[in-house]
Amino acid sequence: MRRALLIMHDHLSPADPLVARLTERGYAVAQRLVVPGERHATPDVAFDFPDPRDWDLIIPLGSPWAVDDLAAIGTWVTPELAMLRKAHEAGVPVLGVCFGGQALAAALGGGVERSPRPELGWVTVETDDPALVGPGPWFQFHYDRWILPPGAVEIARNGVCSQAFTVGRSMGVQFHPEINVPQLENWLVHGGADLVRAAGRDPDAMLESLRRDEAAAIGRCGALVDAFLERVAV
């Protein structure tokens, strides 16, 4: 059986729809948590990343911290970038989600910078390959954006930032295809509601929108995973 490593940077983002689809596709999914809940306010933990060559797929997920905030997370983000670089060099596919996509870009010679404005909630994207990355809507919750690494092919974008790219057998997406109601509830309860209000949005309306459209969102997640496995990670 093929083995996938899911890297959870914080305890609030379990990515259940993504795990379910990978399991349906025949992967044994192992989940590793980098920053445990009791260290959320002090995330400068030590973490030993495994050798990516022992896995068939690596999926680094989102994070409430910034890839380039070395003062907060340098103890583990620097070794994570080294691990992603090693995965790419060994031909191990990576599917980077939000922070994970930014980390993939930075690991391969690109970078991360602040977005001109945050994207919080449902966003559509302009896509060059809708069979790989559809127009959405996709759920977004980010303040940073990547700078594409050398050799990357941008697949999707909008007026704020690049939204998806491929490089070798790997892909980064800026949005959260794995979103579901429990995950968004986690984010909103643990500080996200204040961020949403600060951006002029209504967190209750955001959550209700996801409740209405959760099944469709999970369907888009499955389609994205399928297309990635069949067209990029081959």
Protein backbone atom coordinates (compact mmCIF):
# COMPACT_ATOMS: atom_id res chain seq x y z
CA MET A 1 0.00 0.00 0.00
CA ARG A 2 1.20 3.49 -0.83
CA ARG A 3 2.04 5.73 2.13
CA ALA A 4 1.17 9.41 2.49
CA LEU A 5 2.54 11.72 5.17
CA LEU A 6 0.19 14.50 6.24
CA ILE A 7 1.99 17.31 8.09
CA MET A 8 -0.36 19.18 10.45
CA HIS A 9 1.37 22.33 11.65
CA ASP A 10 -1.25 23.10 14.31
CA HIS A 11 -3.88 21.11 16.16
CA LEU A 12 -6.85 22.96 14.65
CA SER A 13 -6.61 21.70 11.06
CA PRO A 14 -7.16 17.94 10.75
CA ALA A 15 -8.05 17.98 7.01
CA ASP A 16 -10.54 15.12 7.22
CA PRO A 17 -11.93 15.37 3.64
CA LEU A 18 -8.42 15.23 2.19
CA VAL A 19 -7.49 12.24 4.35
CA ALA A 20 -10.72 10.47 3.36
CA ARG A 21 -10.07 10.92 -0.35
CA LEU A 22 -6.48 9.74 -0.13
CA THR A 23 -7.67 6.69 1.78
CA GLU A 24 -10.23 5.97 -0.93
CA ARG A 25 -7.41 6.21 -3.47
CA GLY A 26 -5.49 3.48 -1.68
CA TYR A 27 -3.11 5.48 0.53
CA ALA A 28 -2.31 4.69 4.13
CA VAL A 29 -2.24 8.21 5.60
CA ALA A 30 -0.02 8.96 8.59
CA GLN A 31 -0.59 12.29 10.32
CA ARG A 32 2.17 14.13 12.19
CA LEU A 33 1.42 17.17 14.38
CA VAL A 34 4.24 19.73 14.58
CA VAL A 35 2.94 22.19 17.22
CA PRO A 36 0.76 20.57 19.91
CA GLY A 37 -2.17 22.48 21.34
CA GLU A 38 -0.41 23.38 24.59
CA ARG A 39 2.36 25.12 22.60
CA HIS A 40 0.08 27.08 20.24
CA ALA A 41 1.04 30.40 21.86
CA THR A 42 4.73 29.47 21.87
CA PRO A 43 5.21 27.50 18.65
CA ASP A 44 9.02 27.40 18.65
CA VAL A 45 9.09 23.65 19.22
CA ALA A 46 11.68 21.17 18.01
CA PHE A 47 10.39 18.64 15.47
CA ASP A 48 12.20 15.85 13.68
CA PHE A 49 10.85 15.52 10.16
CA PRO A 50 11.12 12.03 8.68
CA ASP A 51 13.08 11.18 5.56
CA PRO A 52 10.67 11.96 2.70
CA ARG A 53 12.11 9.10 0.67
CA ASP A 54 10.29 6.74 3.02
CA TRP A 55 6.95 8.05 1.72
CA ASP A 56 5.04 8.03 -1.55
CA LEU A 57 3.41 11.43 -0.99
CA ILE A 58 3.96 14.41 1.34
CA ILE A 59 1.12 16.84 2.17
CA PRO A 60 2.12 19.89 4.24
CA LEU A 61 -1.03 21.69 5.38
CA GLY A 62 -1.88 25.22 6.45
CA SER A 63 -0.64 27.12 9.49
CA PRO A 64 -1.57 30.22 11.49
CA TRP A 65 2.09 31.27 11.31
CA ALA A 66 4.06 32.68 8.36
CA VAL A 67 6.73 30.65 6.57
CA ASP A 68 9.23 33.49 6.94
CA ASP A 69 8.52 34.21 10.63
CA LEU A 70 11.72 32.60 11.83
CA ALA A 71 11.49 34.24 15.24
CA ALA A 72 8.30 32.29 15.94
CA ILE A 73 8.80 29.00 14.08
CA GLY A 74 12.38 28.91 12.83
CA THR A 75 13.08 25.87 15.01
CA TRP A 76 10.93 23.71 12.75
CA VAL A 77 10.18 25.59 9.52
CA THR A 78 13.84 25.59 8.45
CA PRO A 79 14.12 21.79 8.72
CA GLU A 80 10.73 21.45 7.04
CA LEU A 81 11.93 23.42 4.02
CA ALA A 82 14.99 21.18 3.88
CA MET A 83 12.73 18.12 3.97
CA LEU A 84 10.54 19.45 1.14
CA ARG A 85 13.62 20.24 -0.93
CA LYS A 86 14.89 16.71 -0.36
CA ALA A 87 11.49 15.30 -1.36
CA HIS A 88 11.53 17.26 -4.62
CA GLU A 89 15.08 16.21 -5.43
CA ALA A 90 14.15 12.57 -4.79
CA GLY A 91 11.03 12.78 -6.95
CA VAL A 92 8.61 12.31 -4.05
CA PRO A 93 5.38 14.21 -4.85
CA VAL A 94 4.33 17.06 -2.57
CA LEU A 95 0.85 18.57 -2.39
CA GLY A 96 1.26 21.82 -0.47
CA VAL A 97 -1.87 23.46 0.94
CA CYS A 98 -1.85 27.20 1.78
CA PHE A 99 1.17 27.51 4.15
CA GLY A 100 2.29 24.16 2.71
CA GLY A 101 2.25 25.60 -0.81
CA GLN A 102 4.18 28.65 0.35
CA ALA A 103 6.68 26.38 2.09
CA LEU A 104 7.11 24.33 -1.09
CA ALA A 105 7.74 27.50 -3.09
CA ALA A 106 10.27 28.80 -0.56
CA ALA A 107 12.03 25.42 -0.34
CA LEU A 108 12.58 25.35 -4.09
CA GLY A 109 14.08 28.81 -4.46
CA GLY A 110 11.00 31.03 -4.46
CA GLY A 111 9.80 32.91 -1.41
CA VAL A 112 6.95 34.28 0.65
CA GLU A 113 5.68 37.84 1.02
CA ARG A 114 2.67 39.62 2.47
CA SER A 115 -0.41 39.72 0.26
CA PRO A 116 -1.78 43.16 -0.64
CA ARG A 117 -4.86 42.16 1.34
CA PRO A 118 -6.02 39.03 3.15
CA GLU A 119 -8.33 36.53 1.52
CA LEU A 120 -10.89 35.18 3.99
CA GLY A 121 -13.80 33.12 2.72
CA TRP A 122 -14.92 31.86 -0.68
CA VAL A 123 -12.91 33.01 -3.70
CA THR A 124 -12.99 32.03 -7.36
CA VAL A 125 -9.77 31.78 -9.36
CA GLU A 126 -8.74 32.17 -12.98
CA THR A 127 -7.38 28.82 -14.08
CA ASP A 128 -5.41 27.74 -17.14
CA ASP A 129 -6.29 24.08 -16.53
CA PRO A 130 -9.77 23.67 -15.02
CA ALA A 131 -9.50 19.88 -15.17
CA LEU A 132 -6.59 20.12 -12.71
CA VAL A 133 -7.53 23.17 -10.65
CA GLY A 134 -11.10 24.27 -11.12
CA PRO A 135 -12.32 27.86 -10.72
CA GLY A 136 -13.86 27.03 -7.36
CA PRO A 137 -15.17 28.65 -5.33
CA TRP A 138 -12.32 27.72 -2.98
CA PHE A 139 -12.10 28.60 0.69
CA GLN A 140 -9.25 30.94 1.60
CA PHE A 141 -7.76 32.05 4.91
CA HIS A 142 -4.38 33.66 4.38
CA TYR A 143 -2.37 36.87 4.70
CA ASP A 144 0.74 35.82 2.76
CA ARG A 145 1.46 34.69 -0.78
CA TRP A 146 4.26 32.80 -2.44
CA ILE A 147 6.85 33.95 -4.95
CA LEU A 148 7.03 31.23 -7.58
CA PRO A 149 10.22 29.16 -7.57
CA PRO A 150 12.32 28.75 -10.72
CA GLY A 151 10.80 26.25 -13.13
CA ALA A 152 7.31 26.38 -11.63
CA VAL A 153 4.27 26.56 -13.89
CA GLU A 154 1.49 28.76 -12.58
CA ILE A 155 -1.88 27.06 -13.03
CA ALA A 156 -4.27 29.53 -11.37
CA ARG A 157 -4.35 33.07 -10.02
CA ASN A 158 -6.61 35.96 -9.04
CA GLY A 159 -6.16 39.65 -8.38
CA VAL A 160 -4.48 39.03 -5.02
CA CYS A 161 -1.96 36.29 -5.69
CA SER A 162 -0.90 33.17 -7.52
CA GLN A 163 -3.31 30.41 -6.51
CA ALA A 164 -1.79 27.17 -7.82
CA PHE A 165 1.45 25.99 -9.38
CA THR A 166 3.14 22.78 -10.38
CA VAL A 167 6.83 21.95 -10.30
CA GLY A 168 7.99 18.47 -11.22
CA ARG A 169 5.68 15.95 -9.54
CA SER A 170 4.49 18.47 -6.95
CA MET A 171 1.78 21.12 -6.68
CA GLY A 172 1.02 24.01 -4.35
CA VAL A 173 -2.43 25.54 -3.84
CA GLN A 174 -3.09 28.74 -1.93
CA PHE A 175 -6.62 27.80 -0.90
CA HIS A 176 -7.97 25.15 1.48
CA PRO A 177 -9.60 22.33 -0.52
CA GLU A 178 -9.84 20.30 2.71
CA ILE A 179 -12.17 22.74 4.49
CA ASN A 180 -15.19 21.38 6.32
CA VAL A 181 -17.50 22.67 9.05
CA PRO A 182 -15.57 21.29 12.07
CA GLN A 183 -12.30 22.76 10.80
CA LEU A 184 -13.75 26.22 10.23
CA GLU A 185 -15.42 26.09 13.64
CA ASN A 186 -11.99 25.37 15.15
CA TRP A 187 -10.46 28.36 13.40
CA LEU A 188 -13.26 30.76 14.30
CA VAL A 189 -13.35 29.76 17.98
CA HIS A 190 -9.57 30.09 18.34
CA GLY A 191 -9.17 33.66 17.14
CA GLY A 192 -10.35 33.43 13.55
CA ALA A 193 -13.69 35.14 14.20
CA ASP A 194 -11.89 38.31 15.28
CA LEU A 195 -9.74 38.22 12.14
CA VAL A 196 -12.81 37.80 9.97
CA ARG A 197 -14.57 40.74 11.65
CA ALA A 198 -11.43 42.88 11.30
CA ALA A 199 -11.60 42.23 7.56
CA GLY A 200 -15.20 43.45 7.49
CA ARG A 201 -16.78 40.02 7.20
CA ASP A 202 -19.35 38.17 9.29
CA PRO A 203 -17.96 34.92 10.77
CA ASP A 204 -21.43 33.53 11.46
CA ALA A 205 -22.45 34.07 7.84
CA MET A 206 -19.18 32.50 6.68
CA LEU A 207 -19.84 29.39 8.75
CA GLU A 208 -23.45 29.16 7.59
CA SER A 209 -22.32 29.41 3.98
CA LEU A 210 -19.99 26.47 4.50
CA ARG A 211 -22.76 24.47 6.17
CA ARG A 212 -24.89 24.96 3.05
CA ASP A 213 -22.12 24.15 0.60
CA GLU A 214 -20.01 21.62 2.52
CA ALA A 215 -20.93 18.66 0.31
CA ALA A 216 -19.97 20.55 -2.85
CA ALA A 217 -16.72 21.74 -1.25
CA ILE A 218 -15.79 18.17 -0.30
CA GLY A 219 -16.56 17.11 -3.85
CA ARG A 220 -14.17 19.74 -5.21
CA CYS A 221 -11.52 18.53 -2.77
CA GLY A 222 -11.87 14.98 -4.06
CA ALA A 223 -11.66 16.09 -7.68
CA LEU A 224 -8.52 18.11 -6.98
CA VAL A 225 -6.84 15.18 -5.21
CA ASP A 226 -7.77 12.84 -8.07
CA ALA A 227 -6.41 15.20 -10.73
CA PHE A 228 -3.21 15.79 -8.78
CA LEU A 229 -2.57 12.06 -8.36
CA GLU A 230 -3.41 11.24 -11.97
CA ARG A 231 -1.73 14.15 -13.76
CA VAL A 232 1.02 15.63 -11.55
CA ALA A 233 2.25 13.00 -9.10
CA VAL A 234 2.87 10.41 -11.80
